[in-house]
Amino acid sequence: MKQALPQETLDKVLQEMGIENISRTTIRQCAMIGSQLEEISGEPFSHLEFGVPGIPACPIGIEAQKKALDEGKCSIYPSVQGLPELKKNASRFVKAFIDVDINPKGIVPTVGSMQGSLTCILECSQLQPGKDTILYICPGFSAHGRQPDILGIKNEIFDIYEYRAEKLRDKLESYFKQGNVAAVLYSNPNNPAWICLTEEELQIIGELATQYDVIVLEDMAYLCMDFRKDMSVPFEPPFQSTVARYTDNYVMLLSASKIFSYAGERIGMVCIGDKLYRREYPALKEKWGIASFGDNFILNYLYINTSGAAHTAQYAFSAMLEASVDGRYNFVKELREYGQRAYLSREIFERNGFHLVYDRDMEQTIGDGFFYTVGYKDMQNRELLEALFRCGVVAIPLNTTGSGQCGIRVCVSRLLSEADFQRLEEHLKLFVNLVNS
């Protein structure tokens, strides 16, 4: 790409798509804008917008799913509770890599963790009169934040940028003490910032969740991907950090999409803590005739939603979990490639004057992983995004993730070759010339 696209070209594309402000676009809209501009320019762009796997799918899952297909499993409805072997292997997996004991009964396959979060949000909002609001610790996955809007459920957000460590306690308590928060959701490691909550912060969340009777929805889509420590050996520390050590009010959301690069089959699972699973709520009894949180999740909310996750994908997930626990497949080793891509691309951004936005986990610099966030000087989101698109860089703005900071999310999954990194360098140099001319 020799020169930046004219502003008029970008404006025309946005107008045709009915977009008034590029900094308020969804991930899918950003991708569509990038594709249109790519076609107009005739040049390949640097695609940093989509959080899609950039590593081949785990072959163990593929073979297990093929076998299930050959055996005719696709003609049989799956049990909404999940395959018994999947539930058993998932329970072992949680123990092996998170060091938490969960009864297989409380582990339920879902159509990706997206369905898991949607269903949890719906149920949590109907457990107790007056507790009708979902709180998000942001930044976060933008689609999570839109789920309560689609369901017509109240929600609140706050940006954790200024509230790390003990400051988090006062901030969370300011919401919890109002009495209307049913559940709090966050991702750890974080999408998009890649910050990782410390044990101190998780303890704060857990203690307050117990004190104020709030359910914690913990999104672990990027399980064991804090590569600053080696969590690859099953049943040996260090383990994935979790709020489950500090409260009984928790649901973990896990997914095969990133840890096994099995995104296309849309298979994930919810892991409901044993005490929460058994807990009885009068409102559920009155509404559904069943008082238990876990039984209602499965037999009412999940069944009515999709009546179960795809049958053969469950066999794939089960096989991958089993192989990981048995030491036959080191999924963490496979994922370290993302850390290397992040390291190389961050160097390119920093050489061209960009800075990390969410840059630290307390005393530590954030690790290199699937995502990170960058800004440029004091440029606001709209100005920054427009200039980047004109120079061949497709990304999403931080404000769409619930962040109050200026910058973009960088996903490294589509930086696959040396040519991709060279192209990114060229595009950023073009950007620097554009904004400083």
Protein backbone atom coordinates (compact mmCIF):
# COMPACT_ATOMS: atom_id res chain seq x y z
CA MET A 1 0.00 0.00 0.00
CA LYS A 2 1.77 3.12 -1.27
CA GLN A 3 -0.45 5.78 0.24
CA ALA A 4 -3.42 6.22 2.53
CA LEU A 5 -6.88 5.99 1.05
CA PRO A 6 -8.65 9.35 0.71
CA GLN A 7 -11.00 10.32 3.52
CA GLU A 8 -13.74 10.59 0.89
CA THR A 9 -13.37 6.90 0.07
CA LEU A 10 -13.85 5.88 3.69
CA ASP A 11 -16.76 8.29 4.12
CA LYS A 12 -18.50 6.82 1.09
CA VAL A 13 -18.17 3.27 2.39
CA LEU A 14 -19.51 4.30 5.80
CA GLN A 15 -22.41 6.15 4.22
CA GLU A 16 -23.34 3.15 2.07
CA MET A 17 -23.36 0.97 5.20
CA GLY A 18 -25.41 3.49 7.17
CA ILE A 19 -22.65 4.10 9.72
CA GLU A 20 -22.48 7.62 11.14
CA ASN A 21 -19.62 7.08 13.59
CA ILE A 22 -16.98 4.42 12.96
CA SER A 23 -16.07 4.30 16.64
CA ARG A 24 -19.51 2.87 17.44
CA THR A 25 -19.30 -0.09 15.10
CA THR A 26 -19.51 -3.75 16.04
CA ILE A 27 -16.76 -6.25 15.30
CA ARG A 28 -18.69 -7.55 12.29
CA GLN A 29 -19.21 -4.05 10.95
CA CYS A 30 -15.49 -3.29 11.30
CA ALA A 31 -14.72 -6.43 9.33
CA MET A 32 -17.18 -5.43 6.60
CA ILE A 33 -15.69 -1.94 6.36
CA GLY A 34 -12.21 -3.44 6.08
CA SER A 35 -13.30 -5.86 3.36
CA GLN A 36 -14.89 -3.07 1.33
CA LEU A 37 -11.80 -0.86 1.56
CA GLU A 38 -9.56 -3.81 0.78
CA GLU A 39 -11.52 -4.46 -2.38
CA ILE A 40 -11.37 -0.80 -3.40
CA SER A 41 -7.63 -0.51 -2.81
CA GLY A 42 -6.73 -3.86 -4.33
CA GLU A 43 -4.25 -4.32 -1.47
CA PRO A 44 -4.31 -6.75 1.47
CA PHE A 45 -5.05 -5.15 4.85
CA SER A 46 -3.77 -6.02 8.32
CA HIS A 47 -6.72 -7.70 10.01
CA LEU A 48 -6.61 -7.31 13.78
CA GLU A 49 -10.35 -7.21 14.44
CA PHE A 50 -11.55 -10.80 14.67
CA GLY A 51 -10.79 -13.00 17.66
CA VAL A 52 -10.73 -16.15 15.55
CA PRO A 53 -8.30 -19.02 16.13
CA GLY A 54 -5.09 -18.78 14.16
CA ILE A 55 -3.90 -22.31 14.91
CA PRO A 56 -5.23 -25.54 13.33
CA ALA A 57 -7.95 -27.36 15.25
CA CYS A 58 -6.88 -30.08 17.65
CA PRO A 59 -6.66 -33.31 15.57
CA ILE A 60 -7.84 -35.45 18.49
CA GLY A 61 -11.19 -33.66 18.43
CA ILE A 62 -11.49 -34.01 14.67
CA GLU A 63 -10.94 -37.76 14.78
CA ALA A 64 -13.39 -38.22 17.66
CA GLN A 65 -16.06 -36.23 15.84
CA LYS A 66 -15.50 -38.17 12.62
CA LYS A 67 -15.95 -41.40 14.53
CA ALA A 68 -19.15 -40.11 16.10
CA LEU A 69 -20.46 -39.11 12.67
CA ASP A 70 -19.56 -42.50 11.19
CA GLU A 71 -21.44 -44.17 14.04
CA GLY A 72 -24.58 -42.20 13.19
CA LYS A 73 -24.63 -39.98 16.29
CA CYS A 74 -25.76 -37.03 14.16
CA SER A 75 -29.18 -38.65 13.73
CA ILE A 76 -29.77 -38.81 17.48
CA TYR A 77 -30.80 -35.89 19.67
CA PRO A 78 -28.20 -35.21 22.37
CA SER A 79 -29.15 -35.22 26.01
CA VAL A 80 -29.50 -31.60 27.15
CA GLN A 81 -27.48 -32.50 30.26
CA GLY A 82 -24.56 -33.52 28.06
CA LEU A 83 -22.76 -36.77 27.31
CA PRO A 84 -21.82 -38.60 30.52
CA GLU A 85 -18.22 -39.04 29.32
CA LEU A 86 -17.96 -35.35 28.45
CA LYS A 87 -19.18 -34.33 31.89
CA LYS A 88 -16.75 -36.74 33.56
CA ASN A 89 -13.78 -35.62 31.47
CA ALA A 90 -14.67 -31.96 31.95
CA SER A 91 -14.77 -32.41 35.73
CA ARG A 92 -11.31 -33.99 35.62
CA PHE A 93 -10.08 -31.19 33.34
CA VAL A 94 -11.28 -28.49 35.74
CA LYS A 95 -9.49 -30.25 38.58
CA ALA A 96 -6.33 -30.76 36.52
CA PHE A 97 -5.89 -27.17 35.31
CA ILE A 98 -7.93 -25.03 37.72
CA ASP A 99 -7.64 -27.21 40.86
CA VAL A 100 -11.35 -26.93 41.62
CA ASP A 101 -13.65 -29.86 42.35
CA ILE A 102 -16.95 -29.75 40.48
CA ASN A 103 -19.44 -32.58 40.32
CA PRO A 104 -19.91 -33.73 36.70
CA LYS A 105 -23.64 -33.11 37.15
CA GLY A 106 -22.98 -29.35 37.22
CA ILE A 107 -20.98 -29.32 33.99
CA VAL A 108 -23.21 -28.77 30.98
CA PRO A 109 -22.28 -28.37 27.29
CA THR A 110 -23.52 -25.24 25.54
CA VAL A 111 -23.41 -23.85 22.03
CA GLY A 112 -20.16 -22.02 22.74
CA SER A 113 -19.63 -20.05 25.92
CA MET A 114 -21.74 -17.31 24.33
CA GLN A 115 -24.85 -19.42 24.87
CA GLY A 116 -23.61 -20.23 28.34
CA SER A 117 -23.35 -16.58 29.31
CA LEU A 118 -26.69 -15.67 27.70
CA THR A 119 -28.50 -18.44 29.56
CA CYS A 120 -26.79 -17.63 32.86
CA ILE A 121 -27.67 -13.95 32.54
CA LEU A 122 -31.31 -14.83 31.91
CA GLU A 123 -31.58 -17.20 34.86
CA CYS A 124 -29.66 -14.99 37.29
CA SER A 125 -31.96 -12.05 36.55
CA GLN A 126 -35.00 -14.11 37.63
CA LEU A 127 -33.72 -15.68 40.87
CA GLN A 128 -34.71 -13.09 43.46
CA PRO A 129 -37.16 -10.16 43.43
CA GLY A 130 -35.28 -6.87 43.09
CA LYS A 131 -32.06 -8.48 41.85
CA ASP A 132 -32.55 -7.66 38.19
CA THR A 133 -29.24 -6.14 37.03
CA ILE A 134 -26.09 -7.67 35.51
CA LEU A 135 -22.80 -5.88 36.28
CA TYR A 136 -19.87 -6.06 33.87
CA ILE A 137 -16.27 -5.50 34.83
CA CYS A 138 -14.93 -3.90 31.67
CA PRO A 139 -13.31 -3.82 29.23
CA GLY A 140 -14.89 -6.99 28.00
CA PHE A 141 -16.13 -8.96 25.03
CA SER A 142 -18.55 -6.57 23.36
CA ALA A 143 -21.15 -9.25 22.56
CA HIS A 144 -21.42 -10.13 26.26
CA GLY A 145 -22.45 -6.56 26.97
CA ARG A 146 -25.18 -6.70 24.34
CA GLN A 147 -26.77 -9.88 25.63
CA PRO A 148 -28.80 -8.26 28.44
CA ASP A 149 -29.95 -5.58 26.02
CA ILE A 150 -31.35 -8.24 23.70
CA LEU A 151 -33.02 -9.96 26.64
CA GLY A 152 -34.39 -6.71 28.06
CA ILE A 153 -32.37 -7.08 31.26
CA LYS A 154 -30.87 -4.13 33.13
CA ASN A 155 -27.09 -3.87 33.17
CA GLU A 156 -24.28 -1.70 34.46
CA ILE A 157 -20.61 -1.46 33.50
CA PHE A 158 -17.44 0.04 34.87
CA ASP A 159 -13.90 0.22 33.51
CA ILE A 160 -11.40 -1.50 35.80
CA TYR A 161 -8.56 0.72 34.53
CA GLU A 162 -8.58 2.92 37.66
CA TYR A 163 -9.76 0.24 40.09
CA ARG A 164 -7.09 -2.40 40.49
CA ALA A 165 -6.21 -4.13 43.78
CA GLU A 166 -7.95 -2.79 46.91
CA LYS A 167 -9.60 0.01 44.89
CA LEU A 168 -11.69 -2.72 43.28
CA ARG A 169 -13.40 -3.47 46.60
CA ASP A 170 -14.90 -0.01 47.05
CA LYS A 171 -15.95 0.17 43.41
CA LEU A 172 -17.68 -3.20 43.40
CA GLU A 173 -19.31 -2.59 46.76
CA SER A 174 -20.76 0.71 45.51
CA TYR A 175 -22.83 -1.39 43.07
CA PHE A 176 -23.49 -4.46 45.22
CA LYS A 177 -24.80 -2.55 48.24
CA GLN A 178 -27.64 -1.13 46.14
CA GLY A 179 -29.14 -4.61 46.30
CA ASN A 180 -30.13 -4.92 42.65
CA VAL A 181 -27.10 -6.74 41.21
CA ALA A 182 -27.92 -10.37 40.40
CA ALA A 183 -24.62 -11.32 38.77
CA VAL A 184 -21.24 -9.92 37.78
CA LEU A 185 -19.41 -11.01 34.63
CA TYR A 186 -15.79 -10.61 33.58
CA SER A 187 -13.18 -12.43 31.48
CA ASN A 188 -9.85 -13.63 32.87
CA PRO A 189 -7.46 -13.39 31.02
CA ASN A 190 -9.25 -10.33 29.77
CA ASN A 191 -10.65 -9.76 26.31
CA PRO A 192 -9.52 -7.21 25.03
CA ALA A 193 -6.90 -5.92 27.47
CA TRP A 194 -5.25 -9.24 28.39
CA ILE A 195 -4.94 -8.07 31.98
CA CYS A 196 -5.22 -10.91 34.49
CA LEU A 197 -6.97 -10.42 37.80
CA THR A 198 -4.67 -11.13 40.74
CA GLU A 199 -5.46 -13.49 43.59
CA GLU A 200 -6.09 -10.44 45.76
CA GLU A 201 -8.64 -9.10 43.27
CA LEU A 202 -10.36 -12.46 42.86
CA GLN A 203 -10.60 -12.78 46.63
CA ILE A 204 -12.22 -9.33 46.80
CA ILE A 205 -14.77 -10.31 44.16
CA GLY A 206 -15.48 -13.62 45.87
CA GLU A 207 -15.89 -12.17 49.35
CA LEU A 208 -18.23 -9.44 48.14
CA ALA A 209 -20.22 -11.91 46.05
CA THR A 210 -20.83 -13.97 49.17
CA GLN A 211 -21.59 -10.95 51.35
CA TYR A 212 -24.12 -9.47 48.93
CA ASP A 213 -25.37 -12.74 47.43
CA VAL A 214 -24.23 -12.01 43.87
CA ILE A 215 -23.40 -14.76 41.37
CA VAL A 216 -20.03 -14.51 39.61
CA LEU A 217 -19.96 -15.47 35.93
CA GLU A 218 -16.29 -16.09 35.15
CA ASP A 219 -15.46 -16.27 31.45
CA MET A 220 -12.39 -18.48 30.95
CA ALA A 221 -12.30 -18.50 27.16
CA TYR A 222 -8.51 -18.05 27.32
CA LEU A 223 -7.84 -20.66 29.98
CA CYS A 224 -4.15 -21.10 30.95
CA MET A 225 -3.08 -18.48 28.37
CA ASP A 226 -1.25 -16.23 30.82
CA PHE A 227 2.08 -17.43 29.49
CA ARG A 228 4.07 -15.65 32.20
CA LYS A 229 3.66 -18.88 34.16
CA ASP A 230 3.58 -22.47 32.94
CA MET A 231 0.16 -24.00 33.56
CA SER A 232 0.61 -26.82 31.06
CA VAL A 233 1.13 -29.74 33.47
CA PRO A 234 -2.15 -31.32 34.65
CA PHE A 235 -2.68 -31.63 38.40
CA GLU A 236 0.47 -29.63 39.16
CA PRO A 237 0.68 -25.94 40.19
CA PRO A 238 0.54 -23.23 39.09
CA PHE A 239 -3.13 -23.46 38.19
CA GLN A 240 -5.50 -21.10 36.41
CA SER A 241 -6.64 -18.41 38.86
CA THR A 242 -10.32 -18.40 39.69
CA VAL A 243 -12.89 -16.78 41.96
CA ALA A 244 -14.10 -20.29 42.85
CA ARG A 245 -11.49 -20.40 45.62
CA TYR A 246 -13.23 -17.51 47.38
CA THR A 247 -16.99 -18.00 46.95
CA ASP A 248 -19.57 -20.71 46.34
CA ASN A 249 -21.58 -18.33 44.11
CA TYR A 250 -19.84 -19.01 40.80
CA VAL A 251 -20.27 -20.33 37.29
CA MET A 252 -17.24 -20.85 35.05
CA LEU A 253 -17.66 -20.46 31.29
CA LEU A 254 -15.25 -22.57 29.22
CA SER A 255 -14.98 -22.98 25.49
CA ALA A 256 -13.25 -25.20 22.95
CA SER A 257 -12.95 -22.27 20.54
CA LYS A 258 -9.59 -20.91 21.64
CA ILE A 259 -8.00 -23.55 23.86
CA PHE A 260 -8.49 -26.25 21.23
CA SER A 261 -9.00 -23.98 18.16
CA TYR A 262 -12.36 -25.71 17.71
CA ALA A 263 -14.39 -22.56 17.11
CA GLY A 264 -16.33 -23.75 14.09
CA GLU A 265 -18.28 -26.38 16.00
CA ARG A 266 -19.58 -23.89 18.61
CA ILE A 267 -19.02 -26.06 21.65
CA GLY A 268 -18.44 -24.80 25.18
CA MET A 269 -19.57 -25.59 28.70
CA VAL A 270 -20.80 -24.05 31.91
CA CYS A 271 -19.35 -25.32 35.16
CA ILE A 272 -21.75 -24.59 38.02
CA GLY A 273 -20.30 -24.75 41.52
CA ASP A 274 -21.76 -27.61 43.56
CA LYS A 275 -23.45 -25.48 46.23
CA LEU A 276 -24.93 -23.08 43.66
CA TYR A 277 -26.19 -26.00 41.58
CA ARG A 278 -28.12 -27.37 44.58
CA ARG A 279 -29.29 -24.01 45.88
CA GLU A 280 -33.06 -23.61 45.83
CA TYR A 281 -34.82 -20.36 44.93
CA PRO A 282 -38.52 -19.83 45.73
CA ALA A 283 -38.93 -17.68 42.60
CA LEU A 284 -37.76 -20.57 40.42
CA LYS A 285 -40.08 -22.97 42.21
CA GLU A 286 -43.03 -20.65 41.64
CA LYS A 287 -42.19 -19.98 37.99
CA TRP A 288 -41.01 -23.41 36.82
CA GLY A 289 -41.97 -25.90 39.52
CA ILE A 290 -38.29 -26.67 40.13
CA ALA A 291 -36.36 -24.84 42.84
CA SER A 292 -32.74 -25.86 42.10
CA PHE A 293 -30.51 -23.40 40.21
CA GLY A 294 -28.72 -26.16 38.29
CA ASP A 295 -31.77 -28.22 37.36
CA ASN A 296 -33.56 -25.12 36.13
CA PHE A 297 -30.53 -24.07 34.10
CA ILE A 298 -30.59 -27.38 32.26
CA LEU A 299 -34.23 -28.41 32.10
CA ASN A 300 -35.84 -25.03 31.52
CA TYR A 301 -33.54 -22.22 30.42
CA LEU A 302 -31.08 -24.26 28.35
CA TYR A 303 -33.55 -26.78 26.97
CA ILE A 304 -35.94 -24.10 25.77
CA ASN A 305 -33.03 -22.16 24.30
CA THR A 306 -31.45 -24.85 22.09
CA SER A 307 -32.37 -28.25 23.60
CA GLY A 308 -28.70 -29.13 23.78
CA ALA A 309 -25.33 -28.67 22.08
CA ALA A 310 -24.45 -30.50 18.85
CA HIS A 311 -24.09 -34.22 19.53
CA THR A 312 -20.91 -35.06 17.60
CA ALA A 313 -19.15 -31.87 18.78
CA GLN A 314 -19.62 -33.12 22.34
CA TYR A 315 -17.63 -36.24 21.48
CA ALA A 316 -14.87 -34.06 20.06
CA PHE A 317 -14.79 -31.86 23.15
CA SER A 318 -14.75 -34.86 25.45
CA ALA A 319 -11.82 -36.45 23.64
CA MET A 320 -9.77 -33.24 23.72
CA LEU A 321 -10.40 -32.73 27.42
CA GLU A 322 -9.48 -36.34 28.19
CA ALA A 323 -6.26 -36.18 26.16
CA SER A 324 -5.24 -32.96 27.93
CA VAL A 325 -5.80 -34.41 31.38
CA ASP A 326 -3.97 -37.64 30.50
CA GLY A 327 -0.96 -35.70 29.17
CA ARG A 328 -1.41 -36.91 25.60
CA TYR A 329 -2.12 -33.38 24.30
CA ASN A 330 -0.45 -30.22 25.59
CA PHE A 331 -2.92 -27.53 24.59
CA VAL A 332 -0.97 -24.80 26.41
CA LYS A 333 2.16 -25.55 24.40
CA GLU A 334 0.16 -25.23 21.17
CA LEU A 335 -1.22 -21.86 22.26
CA ARG A 336 2.16 -20.30 23.06
CA GLU A 337 2.38 -19.33 19.40
CA TYR A 338 -0.02 -16.48 20.19
CA GLY A 339 2.38 -15.11 22.78
CA GLN A 340 5.18 -14.94 20.21
CA ARG A 341 2.93 -13.17 17.70
CA ALA A 342 1.90 -10.65 20.37
CA TYR A 343 5.54 -9.96 21.27
CA LEU A 344 6.53 -9.34 17.64
CA SER A 345 3.52 -7.19 16.77
CA ARG A 346 3.76 -5.12 19.97
CA GLU A 347 7.33 -4.26 19.02
CA ILE A 348 6.08 -3.01 15.65
CA PHE A 349 3.41 -0.84 17.26
CA GLU A 350 5.86 0.59 19.79
CA ARG A 351 8.46 1.34 17.10
CA ASN A 352 5.84 3.43 15.38
CA GLY A 353 4.92 5.50 18.43
CA PHE A 354 1.99 3.54 19.85
CA HIS A 355 1.69 2.76 23.55
CA LEU A 356 -0.04 0.01 25.52
CA VAL A 357 -3.30 1.23 27.05
CA TYR A 358 -3.91 -1.49 29.63
CA ASP A 359 -0.25 -2.12 30.32
CA ARG A 360 0.12 -3.68 33.75
CA ASP A 361 -1.16 -6.27 36.20
CA MET A 362 -0.14 -4.42 39.31
CA GLU A 363 3.66 -4.81 39.47
CA GLN A 364 3.89 -6.88 36.27
CA THR A 365 3.72 -5.81 32.65
CA ILE A 366 0.84 -7.65 30.97
CA GLY A 367 1.73 -10.91 29.32
CA ASP A 368 1.86 -11.57 25.61
CA GLY A 369 -1.20 -13.48 24.47
CA PHE A 370 -4.20 -13.44 22.17
CA PHE A 371 -5.10 -9.74 22.59
CA TYR A 372 -3.65 -6.44 23.75
CA THR A 373 -4.64 -2.78 23.51
CA VAL A 374 -2.77 0.18 22.03
CA GLY A 375 -3.33 3.90 21.62
CA TYR A 376 -1.52 6.64 19.73
CA LYS A 377 -0.62 9.86 21.55
CA ASP A 378 -3.87 11.55 22.59
CA MET A 379 -5.94 10.55 19.54
CA GLN A 380 -9.59 9.89 20.23
CA ASN A 381 -11.22 6.65 19.10
CA ARG A 382 -12.99 7.96 16.03
CA GLU A 383 -10.00 9.87 14.68
CA LEU A 384 -7.66 6.97 15.41
CA LEU A 385 -9.86 4.33 13.82
CA GLU A 386 -10.53 6.36 10.67
CA ALA A 387 -6.81 6.95 10.11
CA LEU A 388 -5.95 3.28 10.67
CA PHE A 389 -8.62 2.07 8.25
CA ARG A 390 -7.36 4.49 5.61
CA CYS A 391 -3.88 3.01 6.06
CA GLY A 392 -4.89 -0.64 5.83
CA VAL A 393 -5.34 -1.60 9.49
CA VAL A 394 -8.66 -3.11 10.59
CA ALA A 395 -9.36 -3.11 14.33
CA ILE A 396 -12.11 -2.37 16.84
CA PRO A 397 -12.21 0.67 19.15
CA LEU A 398 -11.96 0.21 22.90
CA ASN A 399 -15.16 2.10 23.68
CA THR A 400 -17.18 -0.77 22.19
CA THR A 401 -15.73 -3.04 24.89
CA GLY A 402 -17.01 -0.89 27.75
CA SER A 403 -13.66 0.84 28.15
CA GLY A 404 -13.37 4.53 28.95
CA GLN A 405 -9.90 4.68 27.38
CA CYS A 406 -8.86 5.66 23.87
CA GLY A 407 -7.31 3.05 21.64
CA ILE A 408 -7.90 -0.18 19.74
CA ARG A 409 -7.92 -3.90 20.46
CA VAL A 410 -5.26 -5.91 18.66
CA CYS A 411 -5.92 -9.60 17.99
CA VAL A 412 -2.84 -11.49 16.81
CA SER A 413 -4.55 -14.61 15.49
CA ARG A 414 -4.41 -13.56 11.81
CA LEU A 415 -0.76 -12.55 11.88
CA LEU A 416 0.34 -15.84 10.41
CA SER A 417 3.52 -15.20 8.45
CA GLU A 418 6.54 -12.93 8.21
CA ALA A 419 4.78 -11.18 5.35
CA ASP A 420 1.88 -10.31 7.67
CA PHE A 421 4.24 -8.65 10.16
CA GLN A 422 6.03 -6.76 7.39
CA ARG A 423 2.71 -5.57 6.04
CA LEU A 424 1.65 -4.37 9.49
CA GLU A 425 4.89 -2.38 9.77
CA GLU A 426 4.25 -0.77 6.38
CA HIS A 427 0.68 0.12 7.28
CA LEU A 428 1.69 1.69 10.59
CA LYS A 429 4.44 3.74 8.95
CA LEU A 430 1.84 4.98 6.51
CA PHE A 431 -0.40 5.86 9.45
CA VAL A 432 2.39 7.81 11.18
CA ASN A 433 3.03 9.81 8.01
CA LEU A 434 -0.68 10.49 7.60
CA VAL A 435 -1.40 11.75 11.10
CA ASN A 436 1.83 13.75 11.42
CA SER A 437 1.84 15.37 7.99
